[in-house]
């Protein structure tokens, strides 16, 4: 039997799960680098996904704690869409993906891991980035540490968002 060693996962497996909304907690903190928050807008922020499908997997998260897009004001929804478009520009410049998956999972049955706080996913994609690991082992292979991705994207976000 072959093994895939992922020792960095032990920190997550042994960690105590926080009570309350993890997004609200991270947004309330001031250490954006620690929380992988790349940009803060007026009503929403852009954050790296802690458990990405691919390198550069971002989330656009409103500050308002709401389960559905329909529960957000038009002003918040508009800013989220603007941040999504700017995020795609940054990802294109930094990582040169061949495409993107954009999605909102509304409700646990739809795949939302955090279903009480709506957020939009932006996942960079490359031809052939799905391999046997995802199919047979239900495991994603992400080739870059989150902190490295953050350091790569942050200066471009600063430039693009001015």
N, C-alpha and C. Protein backbone atom coordinates (compact mmCIF):
# COMPACT_ATOMS: atom_id res chain seq x y z
N UNK A 1 0.85 -1.17 0.00
CA UNK A 1 0.00 0.00 0.00
C UNK A 1 0.90 1.24 0.00
N UNK A 2 0.53 2.22 -0.82
CA UNK A 2 1.25 3.49 -0.87
C UNK A 2 0.57 4.47 0.07
N UNK A 3 1.37 5.37 0.61
CA UNK A 3 0.84 6.36 1.55
C UNK A 3 1.12 7.76 1.04
N UNK A 4 0.19 8.62 1.30
CA UNK A 4 0.38 10.04 1.04
C UNK A 4 0.53 10.71 2.40
N UNK A 5 1.71 11.23 2.68
CA UNK A 5 1.98 11.86 3.96
C UNK A 5 1.57 13.32 3.90
N UNK A 6 0.72 13.73 4.81
CA UNK A 6 0.29 15.13 4.90
C UNK A 6 0.37 15.57 6.36
N UNK A 7 1.59 15.68 6.90
CA UNK A 7 1.72 15.99 8.33
C UNK A 7 1.15 17.33 8.74
N UNK A 8 1.04 18.27 7.82
CA UNK A 8 0.49 19.58 8.16
C UNK A 8 -0.99 19.50 8.53
N UNK A 9 -1.69 18.43 8.13
CA UNK A 9 -3.11 18.27 8.44
C UNK A 9 -3.34 17.97 9.93
N UNK A 10 -2.32 17.46 10.63
CA UNK A 10 -2.50 17.10 12.04
C UNK A 10 -2.87 18.32 12.87
N UNK A 11 -2.29 19.48 12.56
CA UNK A 11 -2.63 20.70 13.29
C UNK A 11 -4.13 20.95 13.22
N UNK A 12 -4.71 20.78 12.03
CA UNK A 12 -6.16 20.96 11.86
C UNK A 12 -6.94 19.88 12.60
N UNK A 13 -6.51 18.63 12.46
CA UNK A 13 -7.24 17.53 13.07
C UNK A 13 -7.27 17.63 14.60
N UNK A 14 -6.20 18.14 15.18
CA UNK A 14 -6.11 18.26 16.64
C UNK A 14 -6.65 19.57 17.18
N UNK A 15 -6.96 20.50 16.28
CA UNK A 15 -7.40 21.82 16.74
C UNK A 15 -8.83 21.78 17.26
N UNK A 16 -9.08 22.65 18.24
CA UNK A 16 -10.43 22.80 18.78
C UNK A 16 -11.23 23.66 17.82
N UNK A 17 -12.41 23.23 17.47
CA UNK A 17 -13.26 23.99 16.56
C UNK A 17 -13.83 25.20 17.28
N UNK A 18 -13.68 26.37 16.69
CA UNK A 18 -14.20 27.58 17.36
C UNK A 18 -15.73 27.59 17.35
N UNK A 19 -16.29 28.18 18.39
CA UNK A 19 -17.73 28.36 18.41
C UNK A 19 -18.05 29.63 17.65
N UNK A 20 -19.22 29.67 17.05
CA UNK A 20 -19.61 30.84 16.28
C UNK A 20 -19.13 30.74 14.84
N UNK A 21 -19.26 31.83 14.14
CA UNK A 21 -18.93 31.87 12.72
C UNK A 21 -17.44 32.16 12.51
N UNK A 22 -16.76 31.25 11.86
CA UNK A 22 -15.32 31.41 11.63
C UNK A 22 -15.04 32.63 10.75
N UNK A 23 -15.91 32.91 9.78
CA UNK A 23 -15.70 34.09 8.93
C UNK A 23 -15.82 35.37 9.75
N UNK A 24 -16.85 35.47 10.56
CA UNK A 24 -17.03 36.66 11.39
C UNK A 24 -15.84 36.85 12.33
N UNK A 25 -15.33 35.75 12.88
CA UNK A 25 -14.18 35.83 13.78
C UNK A 25 -12.94 36.33 13.05
N UNK A 26 -12.66 35.79 11.87
CA UNK A 26 -11.47 36.19 11.11
C UNK A 26 -11.58 37.65 10.65
N UNK A 27 -12.77 38.04 10.22
CA UNK A 27 -12.98 39.42 9.77
C UNK A 27 -12.79 40.40 10.92
N UNK A 28 -13.19 40.01 12.14
CA UNK A 28 -13.07 40.89 13.30
C UNK A 28 -11.63 41.06 13.76
N UNK A 29 -10.78 40.10 13.44
CA UNK A 29 -9.37 40.19 13.84
C UNK A 29 -8.64 41.19 12.95
N UNK A 30 -7.49 41.67 13.42
CA UNK A 30 -6.75 42.67 12.65
C UNK A 30 -5.54 42.12 11.90
N UNK A 31 -5.19 40.86 12.13
CA UNK A 31 -4.02 40.26 11.48
C UNK A 31 -4.43 39.64 10.14
N UNK A 32 -4.46 40.48 9.10
CA UNK A 32 -4.91 40.00 7.80
C UNK A 32 -3.99 38.95 7.20
N UNK A 33 -2.70 39.07 7.41
CA UNK A 33 -1.77 38.07 6.87
C UNK A 33 -2.01 36.71 7.51
N UNK A 34 -2.20 36.67 8.81
CA UNK A 34 -2.47 35.40 9.51
C UNK A 34 -3.77 34.77 9.01
N UNK A 35 -4.76 35.60 8.76
CA UNK A 35 -6.07 35.11 8.33
C UNK A 35 -6.21 35.02 6.81
N UNK A 36 -5.13 35.34 6.10
CA UNK A 36 -5.09 35.27 4.63
C UNK A 36 -6.14 36.15 3.97
N UNK A 37 -6.41 37.31 4.60
CA UNK A 37 -7.31 38.30 4.01
C UNK A 37 -6.48 39.17 3.08
N UNK A 38 -6.79 39.12 1.81
CA UNK A 38 -6.01 39.82 0.79
C UNK A 38 -6.48 41.25 0.57
N UNK A 39 -7.77 41.49 0.80
CA UNK A 39 -8.31 42.83 0.57
C UNK A 39 -9.56 43.02 1.41
N UNK A 40 -9.72 44.22 1.97
CA UNK A 40 -10.93 44.59 2.71
C UNK A 40 -11.61 45.74 1.98
N UNK A 41 -12.83 45.52 1.56
CA UNK A 41 -13.63 46.57 0.96
C UNK A 41 -14.53 47.20 1.99
N UNK A 42 -15.50 47.96 1.52
CA UNK A 42 -16.43 48.64 2.43
C UNK A 42 -17.40 47.64 3.07
N UNK A 43 -17.88 46.65 2.27
CA UNK A 43 -18.90 45.71 2.74
C UNK A 43 -18.47 44.25 2.71
N UNK A 44 -17.31 43.96 2.12
CA UNK A 44 -16.88 42.57 1.96
C UNK A 44 -15.36 42.51 1.83
N UNK A 45 -14.82 41.31 2.01
CA UNK A 45 -13.37 41.12 1.88
C UNK A 45 -13.09 39.94 0.96
N UNK A 46 -11.82 39.84 0.57
CA UNK A 46 -11.34 38.71 -0.24
C UNK A 46 -10.34 37.94 0.62
N UNK A 47 -10.58 36.65 0.74
CA UNK A 47 -9.77 35.80 1.61
C UNK A 47 -9.39 34.52 0.88
N UNK A 48 -8.19 34.02 1.13
CA UNK A 48 -7.83 32.71 0.61
C UNK A 48 -8.63 31.64 1.36
N UNK A 49 -9.03 30.61 0.64
CA UNK A 49 -9.71 29.48 1.27
C UNK A 49 -8.68 28.66 2.03
N UNK A 50 -8.95 28.38 3.29
CA UNK A 50 -8.04 27.61 4.13
C UNK A 50 -7.90 26.16 3.64
N UNK A 51 -8.91 25.65 2.95
CA UNK A 51 -8.89 24.28 2.42
C UNK A 51 -9.18 24.34 0.93
N UNK A 52 -8.19 24.83 0.15
CA UNK A 52 -8.43 25.13 -1.27
C UNK A 52 -8.56 23.89 -2.15
N UNK A 53 -9.32 24.05 -3.23
CA UNK A 53 -9.39 23.03 -4.28
C UNK A 53 -8.18 23.13 -5.18
N UNK A 54 -7.66 24.34 -5.33
CA UNK A 54 -6.48 24.62 -6.16
C UNK A 54 -5.74 25.80 -5.55
N UNK A 55 -4.49 25.98 -5.93
CA UNK A 55 -3.74 27.16 -5.50
C UNK A 55 -4.49 28.41 -5.97
N UNK A 56 -4.60 29.39 -5.08
CA UNK A 56 -5.27 30.63 -5.43
C UNK A 56 -6.77 30.63 -5.21
N UNK A 57 -7.32 29.58 -4.60
CA UNK A 57 -8.76 29.49 -4.34
C UNK A 57 -9.16 30.59 -3.36
N UNK A 58 -9.93 31.56 -3.85
CA UNK A 58 -10.36 32.71 -3.07
C UNK A 58 -11.82 32.64 -2.70
N UNK A 59 -12.18 33.40 -1.66
CA UNK A 59 -13.58 33.58 -1.29
C UNK A 59 -13.84 35.06 -1.11
N UNK A 60 -14.97 35.51 -1.61
CA UNK A 60 -15.43 36.88 -1.38
C UNK A 60 -16.51 36.76 -0.31
N UNK A 61 -16.27 37.41 0.83
CA UNK A 61 -17.11 37.20 2.01
C UNK A 61 -17.66 38.55 2.49
N UNK A 62 -18.98 38.67 2.60
CA UNK A 62 -19.54 39.92 3.12
C UNK A 62 -19.30 40.02 4.62
N UNK A 63 -19.19 41.23 5.12
CA UNK A 63 -19.05 41.42 6.56
C UNK A 63 -20.36 41.07 7.27
N UNK A 64 -21.47 41.30 6.61
CA UNK A 64 -22.77 40.97 7.20
C UNK A 64 -22.93 39.46 7.28
N UNK A 65 -23.32 38.99 8.42
CA UNK A 65 -23.55 37.56 8.64
C UNK A 65 -24.94 37.20 8.11
N UNK A 66 -24.97 36.59 6.93
CA UNK A 66 -26.24 36.23 6.29
C UNK A 66 -26.05 34.90 5.57
N UNK A 67 -27.09 34.10 5.53
CA UNK A 67 -27.00 32.77 4.92
C UNK A 67 -27.24 32.79 3.41
N UNK A 68 -27.90 33.84 2.92
CA UNK A 68 -28.25 33.88 1.49
C UNK A 68 -27.88 35.23 0.89
N UNK A 69 -27.55 35.22 -0.39
CA UNK A 69 -27.30 36.48 -1.09
C UNK A 69 -28.50 37.40 -1.00
N UNK A 70 -29.70 36.83 -1.07
CA UNK A 70 -30.93 37.62 -1.03
C UNK A 70 -31.10 38.36 0.30
N UNK A 71 -30.38 37.93 1.33
CA UNK A 71 -30.45 38.59 2.63
C UNK A 71 -29.52 39.80 2.73
N UNK A 72 -28.74 40.03 1.69
CA UNK A 72 -27.79 41.15 1.66
C UNK A 72 -28.35 42.30 0.85
N UNK A 73 -27.99 43.51 1.19
CA UNK A 73 -28.44 44.67 0.43
C UNK A 73 -27.85 44.63 -0.98
N UNK A 74 -28.47 45.36 -1.89
CA UNK A 74 -27.98 45.43 -3.26
C UNK A 74 -26.57 46.03 -3.29
N UNK A 75 -26.30 46.97 -2.38
CA UNK A 75 -24.97 47.58 -2.31
C UNK A 75 -23.90 46.54 -1.95
N UNK A 76 -24.20 45.64 -1.01
CA UNK A 76 -23.25 44.59 -0.62
C UNK A 76 -23.08 43.59 -1.77
N UNK A 77 -24.18 43.19 -2.37
CA UNK A 77 -24.10 42.25 -3.49
C UNK A 77 -23.28 42.83 -4.64
N UNK A 78 -23.47 44.10 -4.91
CA UNK A 78 -22.72 44.76 -5.99
C UNK A 78 -21.24 44.78 -5.69
N UNK A 79 -20.88 45.15 -4.46
CA UNK A 79 -19.46 45.16 -4.10
C UNK A 79 -18.86 43.76 -4.21
N UNK A 80 -19.60 42.74 -3.82
CA UNK A 80 -19.09 41.38 -3.92
C UNK A 80 -18.78 41.01 -5.38
N UNK A 81 -19.64 41.43 -6.29
CA UNK A 81 -19.41 41.14 -7.71
C UNK A 81 -18.20 41.91 -8.24
N UNK A 82 -18.06 43.15 -7.82
CA UNK A 82 -16.88 43.94 -8.21
C UNK A 82 -15.61 43.29 -7.67
N UNK A 83 -15.63 42.87 -6.40
CA UNK A 83 -14.47 42.20 -5.82
C UNK A 83 -14.17 40.88 -6.52
N UNK A 84 -15.20 40.17 -6.93
CA UNK A 84 -14.99 38.93 -7.69
C UNK A 84 -14.26 39.22 -8.99
N UNK A 85 -14.71 40.21 -9.73
CA UNK A 85 -14.07 40.55 -11.00
C UNK A 85 -12.63 41.01 -10.81
N UNK A 86 -12.39 41.83 -9.81
CA UNK A 86 -11.01 42.28 -9.51
C UNK A 86 -10.15 41.09 -9.09
N UNK A 87 -10.72 40.17 -8.32
CA UNK A 87 -9.99 38.98 -7.88
C UNK A 87 -9.57 38.12 -9.07
N UNK A 88 -10.46 37.98 -10.04
CA UNK A 88 -10.12 37.21 -11.24
C UNK A 88 -8.97 37.86 -11.99
N UNK A 89 -8.97 39.20 -12.03
CA UNK A 89 -7.88 39.92 -12.68
C UNK A 89 -6.55 39.64 -11.96
N UNK A 90 -6.58 39.68 -10.64
CA UNK A 90 -5.37 39.42 -9.85
C UNK A 90 -4.89 37.98 -10.08
N UNK A 91 -5.80 37.04 -10.01
CA UNK A 91 -5.43 35.63 -10.20
C UNK A 91 -4.85 35.40 -11.59
N UNK A 92 -5.43 36.05 -12.60
CA UNK A 92 -4.93 35.90 -13.96
C UNK A 92 -3.49 36.41 -14.06
N UNK A 93 -3.25 37.57 -13.47
CA UNK A 93 -1.90 38.16 -13.52
C UNK A 93 -0.89 37.33 -12.73
N UNK A 94 -1.29 36.83 -11.57
CA UNK A 94 -0.36 36.15 -10.68
C UNK A 94 -0.11 34.69 -11.05
N UNK A 95 -1.17 33.99 -11.48
CA UNK A 95 -1.07 32.54 -11.64
C UNK A 95 -1.30 32.04 -13.06
N UNK A 96 -1.77 32.89 -13.95
CA UNK A 96 -2.05 32.53 -15.35
C UNK A 96 -2.90 31.27 -15.50
N UNK A 97 -4.04 31.21 -14.80
CA UNK A 97 -4.90 30.04 -14.99
C UNK A 97 -5.54 30.06 -16.38
N UNK A 98 -5.98 28.88 -16.80
CA UNK A 98 -6.63 28.75 -18.11
C UNK A 98 -8.14 28.93 -18.01
N UNK A 99 -8.65 28.99 -16.80
CA UNK A 99 -10.08 29.17 -16.58
C UNK A 99 -10.36 29.34 -15.10
N UNK A 100 -11.63 29.49 -14.76
CA UNK A 100 -12.06 29.66 -13.37
C UNK A 100 -13.36 28.92 -13.14
N UNK A 101 -13.54 28.42 -11.94
CA UNK A 101 -14.85 28.01 -11.45
C UNK A 101 -15.28 29.08 -10.46
N UNK A 102 -16.50 29.59 -10.62
CA UNK A 102 -17.08 30.57 -9.73
C UNK A 102 -18.32 29.93 -9.14
N UNK A 103 -18.50 30.02 -7.82
CA UNK A 103 -19.66 29.36 -7.25
C UNK A 103 -20.08 29.90 -5.90
N UNK A 104 -21.36 29.68 -5.61
CA UNK A 104 -21.95 29.99 -4.31
C UNK A 104 -22.73 28.74 -3.91
N UNK A 105 -22.36 28.15 -2.79
CA UNK A 105 -23.07 26.97 -2.29
C UNK A 105 -24.06 27.44 -1.22
N UNK A 106 -25.33 27.41 -1.53
CA UNK A 106 -26.36 27.86 -0.59
C UNK A 106 -26.97 26.66 0.11
N UNK A 107 -26.64 26.47 1.37
CA UNK A 107 -27.14 25.36 2.16
C UNK A 107 -26.17 24.18 2.18
N UNK A 108 -26.22 23.42 3.26
CA UNK A 108 -25.33 22.28 3.44
C UNK A 108 -25.53 21.24 2.34
N UNK A 109 -26.76 21.02 1.92
CA UNK A 109 -27.03 20.03 0.87
C UNK A 109 -26.38 20.42 -0.46
N UNK A 110 -26.12 21.72 -0.64
CA UNK A 110 -25.48 22.20 -1.87
C UNK A 110 -23.95 22.20 -1.77
N UNK A 111 -23.43 21.73 -0.63
CA UNK A 111 -21.99 21.64 -0.48
C UNK A 111 -21.37 22.74 0.36
N UNK A 112 -22.18 23.59 0.97
CA UNK A 112 -21.63 24.67 1.79
C UNK A 112 -21.04 24.11 3.08
N UNK A 113 -19.75 24.31 3.27
CA UNK A 113 -19.11 23.89 4.51
C UNK A 113 -19.46 24.83 5.65
N UNK A 114 -19.62 26.10 5.30
CA UNK A 114 -20.05 27.13 6.26
C UNK A 114 -21.32 27.72 5.67
N UNK A 115 -22.44 27.14 6.01
CA UNK A 115 -23.70 27.51 5.35
C UNK A 115 -24.42 28.69 5.98
N UNK A 116 -23.96 29.14 7.15
CA UNK A 116 -24.65 30.25 7.81
C UNK A 116 -24.12 31.61 7.37
N UNK A 117 -23.01 31.64 6.61
CA UNK A 117 -22.42 32.91 6.17
C UNK A 117 -22.09 32.77 4.68
N UNK A 118 -22.94 33.35 3.85
CA UNK A 118 -22.79 33.21 2.40
C UNK A 118 -21.44 33.77 1.94
N UNK A 119 -20.88 33.14 0.92
CA UNK A 119 -19.61 33.58 0.34
C UNK A 119 -19.51 33.04 -1.08
N UNK A 120 -18.71 33.72 -1.89
CA UNK A 120 -18.53 33.35 -3.30
C UNK A 120 -17.13 32.78 -3.47
N UNK A 121 -17.04 31.63 -4.13
CA UNK A 121 -15.75 30.99 -4.39
C UNK A 121 -15.26 31.37 -5.78
N UNK A 122 -13.95 31.60 -5.90
CA UNK A 122 -13.28 31.78 -7.19
C UNK A 122 -12.09 30.82 -7.20
N UNK A 123 -12.17 29.82 -8.07
CA UNK A 123 -11.15 28.77 -8.11
C UNK A 123 -10.44 28.79 -9.46
N UNK A 124 -9.14 29.11 -9.47
CA UNK A 124 -8.38 29.04 -10.72
C UNK A 124 -8.27 27.59 -11.20
N UNK A 125 -8.32 27.42 -12.52
CA UNK A 125 -8.25 26.06 -13.09
C UNK A 125 -7.24 26.02 -14.23
N UNK A 126 -6.61 24.86 -14.36
CA UNK A 126 -5.67 24.60 -15.44
C UNK A 126 -6.03 23.27 -16.08
N UNK A 127 -5.81 23.14 -17.37
CA UNK A 127 -6.06 21.88 -18.05
C UNK A 127 -5.25 20.79 -17.36
N UNK A 128 -5.91 19.72 -16.99
CA UNK A 128 -5.23 18.59 -16.35
C UNK A 128 -5.03 18.73 -14.86
N UNK A 129 -5.63 19.75 -14.22
CA UNK A 129 -5.41 19.90 -12.78
C UNK A 129 -6.21 18.89 -11.95
N UNK A 130 -7.10 18.15 -12.57
CA UNK A 130 -7.79 17.06 -11.89
C UNK A 130 -7.04 15.79 -12.23
N UNK A 131 -6.63 15.05 -11.21
CA UNK A 131 -5.86 13.84 -11.47
C UNK A 131 -6.43 12.67 -10.69
N UNK A 132 -5.74 11.57 -10.70
CA UNK A 132 -6.22 10.36 -10.07
C UNK A 132 -6.42 10.52 -8.56
N UNK A 133 -5.69 11.44 -7.91
CA UNK A 133 -5.82 11.60 -6.46
C UNK A 133 -7.24 12.01 -6.08
N UNK A 134 -7.80 12.94 -6.82
CA UNK A 134 -9.17 13.39 -6.51
C UNK A 134 -10.18 12.30 -6.83
N UNK A 135 -9.91 11.55 -7.86
CA UNK A 135 -10.87 10.52 -8.29
C UNK A 135 -10.83 9.30 -7.38
N UNK A 136 -9.65 8.77 -7.10
CA UNK A 136 -9.52 7.53 -6.36
C UNK A 136 -9.32 7.71 -4.86
N UNK A 137 -8.64 8.74 -4.47
CA UNK A 137 -8.30 8.91 -3.06
C UNK A 137 -9.08 10.03 -2.39
N UNK A 138 -9.97 10.69 -3.14
CA UNK A 138 -10.73 11.81 -2.61
C UNK A 138 -9.80 12.80 -1.92
N UNK A 139 -8.66 13.06 -2.56
CA UNK A 139 -7.62 13.92 -2.03
C UNK A 139 -7.20 14.91 -3.10
N UNK A 140 -7.09 16.16 -2.74
CA UNK A 140 -6.60 17.19 -3.65
C UNK A 140 -5.11 17.39 -3.41
N UNK A 141 -4.38 17.61 -4.47
CA UNK A 141 -2.97 17.93 -4.36
C UNK A 141 -2.82 19.40 -4.73
N UNK A 142 -2.51 20.21 -3.72
CA UNK A 142 -2.32 21.65 -3.92
C UNK A 142 -0.83 21.90 -3.78
N UNK A 143 -0.17 22.38 -4.85
CA UNK A 143 1.29 22.41 -4.88
C UNK A 143 1.97 23.58 -4.18
N UNK A 144 1.21 24.42 -3.46
CA UNK A 144 1.83 25.59 -2.87
C UNK A 144 1.23 25.85 -1.49
N UNK A 145 2.09 26.22 -0.53
CA UNK A 145 1.62 26.58 0.80
C UNK A 145 0.76 27.83 0.72
N UNK A 146 -0.24 27.92 1.59
CA UNK A 146 -1.15 29.06 1.62
C UNK A 146 -0.41 30.37 1.86
N UNK A 147 0.56 30.37 2.76
CA UNK A 147 1.31 31.60 3.03
C UNK A 147 2.09 32.06 1.80
N UNK A 148 2.59 31.12 1.01
CA UNK A 148 3.30 31.47 -0.22
C UNK A 148 2.34 32.08 -1.24
N UNK A 149 1.16 31.49 -1.36
CA UNK A 149 0.15 32.03 -2.26
C UNK A 149 -0.25 33.44 -1.82
N UNK A 150 -0.42 33.64 -0.51
CA UNK A 150 -0.77 34.95 0.03
C UNK A 150 0.29 35.98 -0.36
N UNK A 151 1.57 35.64 -0.14
CA UNK A 151 2.66 36.57 -0.46
C UNK A 151 2.73 36.87 -1.95
N UNK A 152 2.33 35.94 -2.77
CA UNK A 152 2.34 36.14 -4.22
C UNK A 152 1.19 37.07 -4.65
N UNK A 153 0.02 36.89 -4.04
CA UNK A 153 -1.18 37.63 -4.46
C UNK A 153 -1.31 39.02 -3.82
N UNK A 154 -0.87 39.17 -2.58
CA UNK A 154 -1.10 40.41 -1.82
C UNK A 154 -0.60 41.66 -2.54
N UNK A 155 0.64 41.70 -3.05
CA UNK A 155 1.07 42.93 -3.72
C UNK A 155 0.28 43.25 -4.98
N UNK A 156 -0.21 42.24 -5.65
CA UNK A 156 -1.00 42.48 -6.86
C UNK A 156 -2.38 42.99 -6.46
N UNK A 157 -2.96 42.46 -5.39
CA UNK A 157 -4.23 43.01 -4.88
C UNK A 157 -4.04 44.48 -4.51
N UNK A 158 -2.96 44.79 -3.81
CA UNK A 158 -2.70 46.18 -3.41
C UNK A 158 -2.63 47.09 -4.64
N UNK A 159 -1.99 46.60 -5.69
CA UNK A 159 -1.86 47.39 -6.92
C UNK A 159 -3.19 47.54 -7.64
N UNK A 160 -3.90 46.45 -7.83
CA UNK A 160 -5.16 46.46 -8.58
C UNK A 160 -6.26 47.24 -7.85
N UNK A 161 -6.30 47.09 -6.52
CA UNK A 161 -7.36 47.74 -5.75
C UNK A 161 -7.00 49.18 -5.40
N UNK A 162 -5.74 49.52 -5.60
CA UNK A 162 -5.28 50.90 -5.41
C UNK A 162 -5.55 51.40 -4.07
